[in-house]
Amino acid sequence: MIGATKRKDYPLSMRLPEGDLAIIDRAADLRGRSRTDFVRDAAVRAAEEVLMESALLRMTPEGFKAFVKAVSAPAAPVPEMVASLRHKAPWERGATKR
């Protein structure tokens, strides 16, 4: 018999104004997600951004020179993007006749 596994989730509670909750619910519904999943993902994404902003990046002097050279080089075209940008958007093509 398989024993029950202990949940390792921790509750988080917050009070929100009705307007904020309505916006969150509407966005979650548009994504087909529950309020909890939507808020959890948004909070984790925001936390990851803050952590990445404060992450220390260490390089050797040679590595830094290579990095500067790479970011200073002219941009190379991406063939797929060039092809995509050559197509007109549907609203630029005009009405289609039937």
C-alpha atoms as a PDB file:
ATOM      1  CA  MET A   1       0.000   0.000   0.000  1.00  0.00           C
ATOM      2  CA  ILE A   2       1.229   3.462  -0.857  1.00  0.00           C
ATOM      3  CA  GLY A   3       1.381   5.889   2.058  1.00  0.00           C
ATOM      4  CA  ALA A   4       0.143   9.436   1.806  1.00  0.00           C
ATOM      5  CA  THR A   5       2.857  11.902   0.899  1.00  0.00           C
ATOM      6  CA  LYS A   6       3.195  14.973   3.037  1.00  0.00           C
ATOM      7  CA  ARG A   7       2.537  18.227   1.184  1.00  0.00           C
ATOM      8  CA  LYS A   8       5.424  20.636   1.103  1.00  0.00           C
ATOM      9  CA  ASP A   9       3.381  23.668   0.156  1.00  0.00           C
ATOM     10  CA  TYR A  10       3.126  26.680   2.421  1.00  0.00           C
ATOM     11  CA  PRO A  11       0.056  28.905   2.604  1.00  0.00           C
ATOM     12  CA  LEU A  12       0.273  32.563   1.696  1.00  0.00           C
ATOM     13  CA  SER A  13      -2.542  34.926   2.555  1.00  0.00           C
ATOM     14  CA  MET A  14      -3.081  38.513   1.475  1.00  0.00           C
ATOM     15  CA  ARG A  15      -5.819  41.100   1.483  1.00  0.00           C
ATOM     16  CA  LEU A  16      -6.567  42.800  -1.808  1.00  0.00           C
ATOM     17  CA  PRO A  17      -8.933  45.573  -2.826  1.00  0.00           C
ATOM     18  CA  GLU A  18     -11.915  44.375  -4.843  1.00  0.00           C
ATOM     19  CA  GLY A  19     -10.647  46.127  -7.983  1.00  0.00           C
ATOM     20  CA  ASP A  20      -7.268  44.388  -7.835  1.00  0.00           C
ATOM     21  CA  LEU A  21      -8.935  41.033  -7.341  1.00  0.00           C
ATOM     22  CA  ALA A  22     -11.228  41.645 -10.319  1.00  0.00           C
ATOM     23  CA  ILE A  23      -8.239  42.427 -12.566  1.00  0.00           C
ATOM     24  CA  ILE A  24      -6.369  39.336 -11.387  1.00  0.00           C
ATOM     25  CA  ASP A  25      -9.426  37.123 -11.888  1.00  0.00           C
ATOM     26  CA  ARG A  26     -10.028  38.494 -15.373  1.00  0.00           C
ATOM     27  CA  ALA A  27      -6.403  37.951 -16.415  1.00  0.00           C
ATOM     28  CA  ALA A  28      -6.321  34.464 -14.881  1.00  0.00           C
ATOM     29  CA  ASP A  29      -9.517  33.584 -16.732  1.00  0.00           C
ATOM     30  CA  LEU A  30      -8.049  34.802 -20.032  1.00  0.00           C
ATOM     31  CA  ARG A  31      -5.082  32.494 -19.466  1.00  0.00           C
ATOM     32  CA  GLY A  32      -7.310  29.598 -18.426  1.00  0.00           C
ATOM     33  CA  ARG A  33      -5.639  29.469 -15.018  1.00  0.00           C
ATOM     34  CA  SER A  34      -6.866  29.543 -11.468  1.00  0.00           C
ATOM     35  CA  ARG A  35      -6.357  32.693  -9.416  1.00  0.00           C
ATOM     36  CA  THR A  36      -3.836  30.862  -7.236  1.00  0.00           C
ATOM     37  CA  ASP A  37      -1.780  29.597 -10.194  1.00  0.00           C
ATOM     38  CA  PHE A  38      -1.855  32.988 -11.876  1.00  0.00           C
ATOM     39  CA  VAL A  39      -0.764  34.908  -8.766  1.00  0.00           C
ATOM     40  CA  ARG A  40       1.884  32.314  -7.860  1.00  0.00           C
ATOM     41  CA  ASP A  41       3.436  32.455 -11.340  1.00  0.00           C
ATOM     42  CA  ALA A  42       3.385  36.269 -11.384  1.00  0.00           C
ATOM     43  CA  ALA A  43       4.973  36.473  -7.926  1.00  0.00           C
ATOM     44  CA  VAL A  44       7.669  33.929  -8.753  1.00  0.00           C
ATOM     45  CA  ARG A  45       8.476  35.697 -12.040  1.00  0.00           C
ATOM     46  CA  ALA A  46       8.768  39.043 -10.248  1.00  0.00           C
ATOM     47  CA  ALA A  47      10.991  37.496  -7.569  1.00  0.00           C
ATOM     48  CA  GLU A  48      13.242  35.887 -10.198  1.00  0.00           C
ATOM     49  CA  GLU A  49      13.643  39.250 -11.960  1.00  0.00           C
ATOM     50  CA  VAL A  50      14.704  40.937  -8.722  1.00  0.00           C
ATOM     51  CA  LEU A  51      17.194  38.160  -7.977  1.00  0.00           C
ATOM     52  CA  MET A  52      18.625  38.288 -11.501  1.00  0.00           C
ATOM     53  CA  GLU A  53      19.041  42.068 -11.237  1.00  0.00           C
ATOM     54  CA  SER A  54      21.107  41.659  -8.105  1.00  0.00           C
ATOM     55  CA  ALA A  55      23.137  38.646  -9.245  1.00  0.00           C
ATOM     56  CA  LEU A  56      26.860  39.219  -9.312  1.00  0.00           C
ATOM     57  CA  LEU A  57      28.559  38.237 -12.547  1.00  0.00           C
ATOM     58  CA  ARG A  58      32.271  37.487 -12.344  1.00  0.00           C
ATOM     59  CA  MET A  59      34.615  37.309 -15.341  1.00  0.00           C
ATOM     60  CA  THR A  60      38.265  37.079 -16.005  1.00  0.00           C
ATOM     61  CA  PRO A  61      39.777  40.126 -17.753  1.00  0.00           C
ATOM     62  CA  GLU A  62      39.983  38.041 -20.943  1.00  0.00           C
ATOM     63  CA  GLY A  63      36.363  36.956 -20.576  1.00  0.00           C
ATOM     64  CA  PHE A  64      35.276  40.561 -20.084  1.00  0.00           C
ATOM     65  CA  LYS A  65      37.138  41.636 -23.239  1.00  0.00           C
ATOM     66  CA  ALA A  66      35.413  38.858 -25.188  1.00  0.00           C
ATOM     67  CA  PHE A  67      32.040  39.912 -23.742  1.00  0.00           C
ATOM     68  CA  VAL A  68      32.569  43.576 -24.685  1.00  0.00           C
ATOM     69  CA  LYS A  69      33.671  42.538 -28.181  1.00  0.00           C
ATOM     70  CA  ALA A  70      30.563  40.367 -28.626  1.00  0.00           C
ATOM     71  CA  VAL A  71      28.079  43.017 -27.486  1.00  0.00           C
ATOM     72  CA  SER A  72      29.856  45.768 -29.426  1.00  0.00           C
ATOM     73  CA  ALA A  73      29.840  43.854 -32.725  1.00  0.00           C
ATOM     74  CA  PRO A  74      27.289  44.785 -35.363  1.00  0.00           C
ATOM     75  CA  ALA A  75      24.088  42.811 -35.153  1.00  0.00           C
ATOM     76  CA  ALA A  76      23.711  39.897 -37.541  1.00  0.00           C
ATOM     77  CA  PRO A  77      20.367  39.508 -39.304  1.00  0.00           C
ATOM     78  CA  VAL A  78      18.210  36.551 -38.339  1.00  0.00           C
ATOM     79  CA  PRO A  79      16.832  35.134 -41.621  1.00  0.00           C
ATOM     80  CA  GLU A  80      13.504  34.077 -40.077  1.00  0.00           C
ATOM     81  CA  MET A  81      12.921  37.555 -38.644  1.00  0.00           C
ATOM     82  CA  VAL A  82      13.840  39.230 -41.932  1.00  0.00           C
ATOM     83  CA  ALA A  83      11.377  36.996 -43.807  1.00  0.00           C
ATOM     84  CA  SER A  84       8.662  37.653 -41.252  1.00  0.00           C
ATOM     85  CA  LEU A  85       9.131  41.420 -41.415  1.00  0.00           C
ATOM     86  CA  ARG A  86       8.861  41.391 -45.219  1.00  0.00           C
ATOM     87  CA  HIS A  87       5.266  40.131 -45.022  1.00  0.00           C
ATOM     88  CA  LYS A  88       2.539  42.700 -44.627  1.00  0.00           C
ATOM     89  CA  ALA A  89       0.302  42.428 -41.613  1.00  0.00           C
ATOM     90  CA  PRO A  90      -3.290  41.360 -42.365  1.00  0.00           C
ATOM     91  CA  TRP A  91      -4.586  44.882 -41.681  1.00  0.00           C
ATOM     92  CA  GLU A  92      -2.017  46.317 -44.124  1.00  0.00           C
ATOM     93  CA  ARG A  93      -3.072  44.006 -46.967  1.00  0.00           C
ATOM     94  CA  GLY A  94      -6.532  45.475 -47.310  1.00  0.00           C
ATOM     95  CA  ALA A  95      -9.857  43.714 -47.390  1.00  0.00           C
ATOM     96  CA  THR A  96      -9.994  40.375 -49.158  1.00  0.00           C
ATOM     97  CA  LYS A  97     -12.607  39.925 -51.848  1.00  0.00           C
ATOM     98  CA  ARG A  98     -14.758  36.835 -51.853  1.00  0.00           C
END
